[in-house]
Amino acid sequence: MKPENKFNLGLVSKFRNELFGISIISIMIFHFFLRIREHGSGTLYPLAFAYDNIISSVGVECFLFLSGVGLYFSMSKNGNILNFYRKRMSRVLIPYALWGAVFWIALDLLAKGENIGEFLYDFSFLSFWLEGDSVLWYIAFIVIVYLAFPLVFKMFSEKYATVFLVLSIGFSIGLSLVLRQFFPFVYDNIEIAVNRLPIFLFGAYSGRRIYKSDSFKIGDLILVLLGIAVHIFGILQRYGVIGIKISFSRWEFALFSISLIYICVWLLSKVNLKRLKSFLRGAGALSLELYMTHVTIDNLLRFCKIPTYSPYYYAIIIILSIIFSIFLHFSLKNIIIKTHSTHV
């Protein structure tokens, strides 16, 4: 056992829910500021501009890193692939089947007046993969990742896990570059997912070290400093301080998310703010439901021409998201428990 007061990678698992809480809160703030930037004016516009350039949607990268870690833990504890699929898919697909159906019915059939074919096209995620409708892209992406994870787990459990990591990240980056160069229409549709594959892979790779509570090594420190340095370089570029134009795309925020996670873990291990930690744990436990309810309510209200860039209306979105996510979480918890009990 590692000493309690020693900083080690196992703390990522210890503060997993707090980290998910920080991630989902940052994503919800990002979407608010994004609406302000899209509107193009307002007293909060300078703050929105700063948030977008400094924090942006890095919470999504944190989400994917932590998801990779969580999947590694899940397969380590029970290597049965069918059990893995049943447990992970039920955690995502059951809430999506219920909430996603409500959302697409409300948007496609009621608000847009489309036919059932359009509803099925959106509900099945085909509209994302074929046309880039990114409202619930994360769910579409994570389902594919779940299906492929037993192979990913095997690669990162082998002796040459680091070699497999380099090769798999190299392949994913190469795939992104090929799509952007030769298939720009496809790339534009799915870049929000394909460019985030490396951070998920790194999370899955890190899962083994976090599972073993490995010590924080010099290589980890170098990675944290590199993530901060690359991010600062990107910020200075976006503010026009540096004239050199090198686009790191979402990979800048992938590196920065690693730095951010380790910094947050260190801070959480040092401070004793029980109420703050409890709040973050609560948000983290509801993070999937909050994501789904938040992005869908926001999308539906924007379609209805409601100014969601207004703090008043965005506060309503937040309140509704919390109410529906709590209801969804606890309703589905009973469904999932009953579903699993039938397979015992």
Protein backbone atom coordinates (compact mmCIF):
# COMPACT_ATOMS: atom_id res chain seq x y z
CA MET A 1 0.00 0.00 0.00
CA LYS A 2 1.14 3.53 -0.80
CA PRO A 3 1.46 5.99 2.09
CA GLU A 4 -1.70 8.05 2.49
CA ASN A 5 0.18 11.35 2.38
CA LYS A 6 2.17 10.53 -0.76
CA PHE A 7 0.94 11.88 -4.06
CA ASN A 8 0.35 8.93 -6.38
CA LEU A 9 -1.74 8.19 -9.43
CA GLY A 10 -4.28 6.24 -7.39
CA LEU A 11 -5.64 9.59 -6.23
CA VAL A 12 -7.15 10.03 -9.68
CA SER A 13 -9.44 7.12 -8.86
CA LYS A 14 -10.08 8.39 -5.33
CA PHE A 15 -11.26 11.77 -6.62
CA ARG A 16 -12.86 10.43 -9.80
CA ASN A 17 -16.35 11.78 -9.08
CA GLU A 18 -14.98 15.17 -8.05
CA LEU A 19 -13.07 15.32 -11.35
CA PHE A 20 -16.18 14.39 -13.32
CA GLY A 21 -18.00 17.13 -11.40
CA ILE A 22 -15.40 19.73 -12.31
CA SER A 23 -15.54 18.56 -15.94
CA ILE A 24 -19.31 18.79 -16.35
CA ILE A 25 -19.47 22.18 -14.63
CA SER A 26 -16.76 23.54 -16.93
CA ILE A 27 -18.64 22.19 -19.97
CA MET A 28 -21.88 23.87 -18.90
CA ILE A 29 -20.06 27.16 -18.36
CA PHE A 30 -18.36 26.76 -21.75
CA HIS A 31 -21.69 26.30 -23.52
CA PHE A 32 -23.05 29.46 -21.90
CA PHE A 33 -20.07 31.52 -23.00
CA LEU A 34 -20.23 29.90 -26.44
CA ARG A 35 -23.79 31.19 -26.83
CA ILE A 36 -22.60 34.68 -25.86
CA ARG A 37 -19.81 34.54 -28.43
CA GLU A 38 -22.25 33.33 -31.08
CA HIS A 39 -24.52 36.27 -30.22
CA GLY A 40 -21.53 38.56 -30.73
CA SER A 41 -22.12 41.16 -28.04
CA GLY A 42 -23.03 41.82 -24.43
CA THR A 43 -21.32 42.85 -21.22
CA LEU A 44 -20.09 39.29 -20.68
CA TYR A 45 -18.55 39.00 -24.15
CA PRO A 46 -14.93 39.78 -23.04
CA LEU A 47 -15.23 37.14 -20.31
CA ALA A 48 -16.71 34.67 -22.81
CA PHE A 49 -13.85 35.37 -25.20
CA ALA A 50 -11.29 34.79 -22.45
CA TYR A 51 -12.97 31.58 -21.25
CA ASP A 52 -13.13 30.18 -24.78
CA ASN A 53 -9.46 30.89 -25.39
CA ILE A 54 -8.17 29.67 -22.03
CA ILE A 55 -10.52 26.93 -20.78
CA SER A 56 -12.72 26.24 -23.80
CA SER A 57 -14.20 22.71 -23.87
CA VAL A 58 -11.31 21.05 -22.04
CA GLY A 59 -13.87 19.45 -19.73
CA VAL A 60 -14.76 17.08 -22.58
CA GLU A 61 -11.14 15.93 -22.82
CA CYS A 62 -11.15 15.38 -19.05
CA PHE A 63 -14.36 13.39 -19.44
CA LEU A 64 -12.79 11.11 -22.05
CA PHE A 65 -9.58 10.61 -20.07
CA LEU A 66 -11.58 9.61 -17.00
CA SER A 67 -13.83 7.38 -19.11
CA GLY A 68 -10.77 5.55 -20.40
CA VAL A 69 -9.55 5.07 -16.83
CA GLY A 70 -12.98 3.88 -15.71
CA LEU A 71 -13.23 1.32 -18.51
CA TYR A 72 -9.80 -0.07 -17.62
CA PHE A 73 -10.93 -0.45 -14.00
CA SER A 74 -14.15 -2.13 -15.12
CA MET A 75 -12.39 -4.77 -17.21
CA SER A 76 -9.68 -5.31 -14.60
CA LYS A 77 -12.29 -6.18 -11.99
CA ASN A 78 -14.30 -8.43 -14.29
CA GLY A 79 -12.74 -9.57 -17.53
CA ASN A 80 -15.90 -11.20 -18.85
CA ILE A 81 -16.56 -9.31 -22.09
CA LEU A 82 -20.32 -9.96 -22.11
CA ASN A 83 -20.65 -8.68 -18.55
CA PHE A 84 -18.53 -5.68 -19.48
CA TYR A 85 -20.75 -4.86 -22.45
CA ARG A 86 -23.95 -5.36 -20.47
CA LYS A 87 -22.81 -3.15 -17.61
CA ARG A 88 -21.28 -0.33 -19.67
CA MET A 89 -23.90 -0.24 -22.40
CA SER A 90 -26.76 -0.23 -19.89
CA ARG A 91 -25.15 2.74 -18.16
CA VAL A 92 -25.23 4.75 -21.40
CA LEU A 93 -27.89 3.29 -23.68
CA ILE A 94 -30.73 2.98 -21.17
CA PRO A 95 -30.63 6.67 -20.18
CA TYR A 96 -30.11 7.64 -23.82
CA ALA A 97 -33.00 5.45 -24.98
CA LEU A 98 -35.35 7.24 -22.59
CA TRP A 99 -34.09 10.81 -22.64
CA GLY A 100 -32.89 10.72 -26.25
CA ALA A 101 -36.30 9.52 -27.41
CA VAL A 102 -38.01 12.38 -25.55
CA PHE A 103 -35.61 14.93 -27.02
CA TRP A 104 -35.74 13.74 -30.65
CA ILE A 105 -39.53 13.42 -30.50
CA ALA A 106 -39.78 16.96 -29.15
CA LEU A 107 -37.33 18.37 -31.71
CA ASP A 108 -38.02 16.35 -34.86
CA LEU A 109 -41.68 15.41 -34.61
CA LEU A 110 -43.13 18.30 -32.60
CA ALA A 111 -40.90 21.34 -33.16
CA LYS A 112 -39.75 20.64 -36.73
CA GLY A 113 -42.77 18.65 -37.90
CA GLU A 114 -40.57 15.97 -39.48
CA ASN A 115 -41.62 12.37 -40.11
CA ILE A 116 -40.73 9.24 -38.15
CA GLY A 117 -37.86 8.51 -40.55
CA GLU A 118 -36.08 11.71 -39.51
CA PHE A 119 -36.62 10.81 -35.86
CA LEU A 120 -35.03 7.38 -36.37
CA TYR A 121 -32.19 8.94 -38.40
CA ASP A 122 -31.32 11.23 -35.49
CA PHE A 123 -32.06 8.79 -32.69
CA SER A 124 -29.78 6.14 -34.25
CA PHE A 125 -26.84 8.62 -34.39
CA LEU A 126 -26.70 8.31 -38.18
CA SER A 127 -27.23 12.07 -38.45
CA PHE A 128 -23.99 12.58 -36.52
CA TRP A 129 -21.81 10.14 -38.44
CA LEU A 130 -23.21 11.13 -41.85
CA GLU A 131 -24.05 14.82 -41.43
CA GLY A 132 -22.26 16.03 -38.32
CA ASP A 133 -25.32 16.70 -36.14
CA SER A 134 -23.33 16.94 -32.93
CA VAL A 135 -26.01 17.53 -30.28
CA LEU A 136 -25.34 14.16 -28.60
CA TRP A 137 -22.11 13.24 -30.37
CA TYR A 138 -20.48 12.12 -27.11
CA ILE A 139 -22.96 9.27 -26.70
CA ALA A 140 -22.47 8.17 -30.32
CA PHE A 141 -18.70 8.22 -29.83
CA ILE A 142 -18.58 6.50 -26.46
CA VAL A 143 -20.74 3.60 -27.69
CA ILE A 144 -18.18 2.87 -30.43
CA VAL A 145 -15.39 3.17 -27.89
CA TYR A 146 -17.13 0.71 -25.56
CA LEU A 147 -17.44 -1.83 -28.37
CA ALA A 148 -13.73 -1.59 -29.18
CA PHE A 149 -12.48 -1.44 -25.59
CA PRO A 150 -11.77 -5.17 -24.94
CA LEU A 151 -9.13 -4.95 -27.69
CA VAL A 152 -7.80 -1.67 -26.27
CA PHE A 153 -7.63 -3.22 -22.80
CA LYS A 154 -5.66 -6.20 -24.13
CA MET A 155 -3.15 -3.91 -25.84
CA PHE A 156 -2.59 -1.82 -22.72
CA SER A 157 -2.34 -4.85 -20.45
CA GLU A 158 0.54 -6.34 -22.43
CA LYS A 159 4.26 -5.97 -21.80
CA TYR A 160 4.61 -3.46 -24.64
CA ALA A 161 1.70 -1.26 -23.58
CA THR A 162 3.69 1.95 -24.14
CA VAL A 163 4.55 0.87 -27.68
CA PHE A 164 0.88 0.13 -28.35
CA LEU A 165 -0.03 3.54 -26.92
CA VAL A 166 2.35 5.35 -29.27
CA LEU A 167 1.16 3.31 -32.26
CA SER A 168 -2.55 3.74 -31.49
CA ILE A 169 -2.27 7.48 -30.87
CA GLY A 170 -0.13 7.82 -33.99
CA PHE A 171 -2.77 5.94 -35.97
CA SER A 172 -5.61 8.10 -34.63
CA ILE A 173 -3.74 11.31 -35.43
CA GLY A 174 -2.83 9.96 -38.86
CA LEU A 175 -6.46 9.06 -39.49
CA SER A 176 -7.50 12.59 -38.57
CA LEU A 177 -4.92 14.13 -40.92
CA VAL A 178 -5.89 11.83 -43.81
CA LEU A 179 -9.59 12.62 -43.37
CA ARG A 180 -8.90 16.35 -43.19
CA GLN A 181 -6.74 16.27 -46.32
CA PHE A 182 -8.62 13.85 -48.58
CA PHE A 183 -12.14 13.59 -47.12
CA PRO A 184 -12.86 17.07 -45.70
CA PHE A 185 -16.64 16.56 -45.68
CA VAL A 186 -16.31 13.44 -43.54
CA TYR A 187 -13.71 15.17 -41.36
CA ASP A 188 -15.94 18.19 -40.74
CA ASN A 189 -18.74 15.88 -39.61
CA ILE A 190 -16.78 13.84 -37.08
CA GLU A 191 -13.70 15.86 -36.15
CA ILE A 192 -15.29 16.63 -32.76
CA ALA A 193 -14.92 12.90 -32.01
CA VAL A 194 -11.94 11.68 -34.02
CA ASN A 195 -9.60 14.37 -32.69
CA ARG A 196 -10.46 13.35 -29.14
CA LEU A 197 -9.59 9.69 -29.59
CA PRO A 198 -5.95 10.21 -28.43
CA ILE A 199 -6.96 11.51 -24.99
CA PHE A 200 -9.32 8.57 -24.49
CA LEU A 201 -6.53 6.16 -25.44
CA PHE A 202 -4.16 7.85 -23.03
CA GLY A 203 -6.77 7.58 -20.28
CA ALA A 204 -7.16 3.86 -20.96
CA TYR A 205 -3.38 3.44 -20.92
CA SER A 206 -3.10 5.40 -17.67
CA GLY A 207 -5.80 3.19 -16.16
CA ARG A 208 -3.28 0.45 -15.41
CA ARG A 209 -0.96 2.81 -13.51
CA ILE A 210 -3.86 4.44 -11.68
CA TYR A 211 -5.27 1.00 -10.81
CA LYS A 212 -1.88 0.07 -9.28
CA SER A 213 -1.54 3.47 -7.53
CA ASP A 214 1.82 4.04 -9.21
CA SER A 215 3.94 6.86 -7.86
CA PHE A 216 4.00 10.20 -9.66
CA LYS A 217 7.23 10.07 -11.63
CA ILE A 218 9.47 12.57 -13.39
CA GLY A 219 7.91 11.58 -16.72
CA ASP A 220 4.48 12.54 -15.37
CA LEU A 221 5.81 15.91 -14.24
CA ILE A 222 7.34 16.51 -17.66
CA LEU A 223 3.99 15.67 -19.28
CA VAL A 224 2.17 18.11 -16.98
CA LEU A 225 4.66 20.89 -17.75
CA LEU A 226 4.50 20.10 -21.47
CA GLY A 227 0.70 20.34 -21.41
CA ILE A 228 0.87 23.72 -19.67
CA ALA A 229 3.57 25.00 -22.04
CA VAL A 230 1.71 23.93 -25.20
CA HIS A 231 -1.50 25.44 -23.84
CA ILE A 232 0.17 28.77 -23.01
CA PHE A 233 1.66 28.79 -26.51
CA GLY A 234 -1.82 28.23 -27.96
CA ILE A 235 -3.34 31.00 -25.82
CA LEU A 236 -0.65 33.47 -26.91
CA GLN A 237 -1.32 32.50 -30.52
CA ARG A 238 -5.05 33.09 -30.18
CA TYR A 239 -4.46 36.50 -28.59
CA GLY A 240 -2.03 37.44 -31.37
CA VAL A 241 0.99 37.76 -29.06
CA ILE A 242 2.86 35.09 -31.03
CA GLY A 243 2.83 35.46 -34.80
CA ILE A 244 3.80 31.84 -35.50
CA LYS A 245 0.74 29.92 -36.67
CA ILE A 246 0.89 26.28 -35.59
CA SER A 247 -2.50 24.67 -35.12
CA PHE A 248 -2.59 21.84 -32.57
CA SER A 249 -6.34 21.46 -33.08
CA ARG A 250 -7.95 19.70 -30.09
CA TRP A 251 -4.67 17.97 -29.23
CA GLU A 252 -3.55 21.09 -27.38
CA PHE A 253 -6.50 20.71 -25.02
CA ALA A 254 -5.90 16.96 -24.78
CA LEU A 255 -2.42 17.64 -23.39
CA PHE A 256 -3.72 20.43 -21.19
CA SER A 257 -6.47 18.18 -19.79
CA ILE A 258 -3.83 15.79 -18.44
CA SER A 259 -2.09 18.69 -16.70
CA LEU A 260 -5.42 19.98 -15.40
CA ILE A 261 -6.47 16.60 -14.01
CA TYR A 262 -3.22 16.08 -12.10
CA ILE A 263 -3.29 19.66 -10.78
CA CYS A 264 -6.90 19.24 -9.63
CA VAL A 265 -6.08 15.91 -8.00
CA TRP A 266 -3.16 17.48 -6.15
CA LEU A 267 -5.35 20.35 -4.94
CA LEU A 268 -8.15 17.99 -3.89
CA SER A 269 -5.65 15.90 -1.93
CA LYS A 270 -4.39 18.98 -0.08
CA VAL A 271 -7.55 20.95 0.75
CA ASN A 272 -10.18 19.89 3.26
CA LEU A 273 -13.21 21.68 1.86
CA LYS A 274 -15.80 19.01 2.61
CA ARG A 275 -18.81 20.88 1.28
CA LEU A 276 -17.09 21.74 -1.99
CA LYS A 277 -15.95 18.14 -2.46
CA SER A 278 -19.42 16.86 -1.63
CA PHE A 279 -20.93 19.23 -4.21
CA LEU A 280 -18.42 18.14 -6.87
CA ARG A 281 -19.04 14.46 -6.08
CA GLY A 282 -22.76 15.00 -6.50
CA ALA A 283 -22.26 16.73 -9.85
CA GLY A 284 -19.86 13.97 -10.89
CA ALA A 285 -22.33 11.22 -10.01
CA LEU A 286 -24.88 12.94 -12.27
CA SER A 287 -22.40 13.96 -14.97
CA LEU A 288 -23.74 11.75 -17.77
CA GLU A 289 -27.33 12.72 -17.10
CA LEU A 290 -26.38 16.39 -16.73
CA TYR A 291 -24.58 16.27 -20.06
CA MET A 292 -27.57 14.77 -21.88
CA THR A 293 -30.23 16.99 -20.32
CA HIS A 294 -28.13 20.13 -20.55
CA VAL A 295 -27.16 19.93 -24.24
CA THR A 296 -30.61 18.81 -25.36
CA ILE A 297 -32.58 21.44 -23.45
CA ASP A 298 -30.17 24.11 -24.68
CA ASN A 299 -30.54 22.87 -28.27
CA LEU A 300 -34.33 22.71 -28.10
CA LEU A 301 -34.65 26.22 -26.65
CA ARG A 302 -32.29 27.65 -29.25
CA PHE A 303 -34.37 26.06 -32.00
CA CYS A 304 -37.39 27.83 -30.50
CA LYS A 305 -35.45 31.15 -30.82
CA ILE A 306 -35.10 31.59 -27.06
CA PRO A 307 -31.99 33.71 -26.28
CA THR A 308 -29.97 31.18 -24.27
CA TYR A 309 -27.08 33.65 -24.20
CA SER A 310 -29.11 35.52 -21.58
CA PRO A 311 -28.03 34.64 -18.00
CA TYR A 312 -31.72 34.45 -17.06
CA TYR A 313 -32.60 31.86 -19.68
CA TYR A 314 -29.38 29.95 -19.18
CA ALA A 315 -30.11 29.75 -15.46
CA ILE A 316 -33.43 28.16 -16.40
CA ILE A 317 -31.55 25.62 -18.56
CA ILE A 318 -29.27 24.78 -15.63
CA ILE A 319 -32.18 24.37 -13.21
CA LEU A 320 -34.14 22.18 -15.63
CA SER A 321 -31.01 20.13 -16.37
CA ILE A 322 -30.44 19.47 -12.67
CA ILE A 323 -34.07 18.54 -12.02
CA PHE A 324 -34.33 16.17 -14.99
CA SER A 325 -30.88 14.66 -14.42
CA ILE A 326 -31.69 13.81 -10.79
CA PHE A 327 -34.99 12.27 -11.84
CA LEU A 328 -33.32 10.37 -14.68
CA HIS A 329 -30.43 9.16 -12.54
CA PHE A 330 -32.46 7.71 -9.70
CA SER A 331 -35.18 6.30 -11.96
CA LEU A 332 -32.62 4.55 -14.13
CA LYS A 333 -30.62 3.36 -11.14
CA ASN A 334 -33.54 1.15 -10.14
CA ILE A 335 -33.99 -0.07 -13.72
CA ILE A 336 -30.31 -0.97 -14.08
CA ILE A 337 -30.21 -2.71 -10.70
CA LYS A 338 -33.27 -4.80 -11.64
CA THR A 339 -31.78 -5.57 -15.06
CA HIS A 340 -28.50 -6.74 -13.55
CA SER A 341 -30.25 -8.80 -10.86
CA THR A 342 -31.93 -10.94 -13.53
CA HIS A 343 -28.48 -12.01 -14.77
CA VAL A 344 -27.06 -13.04 -11.38
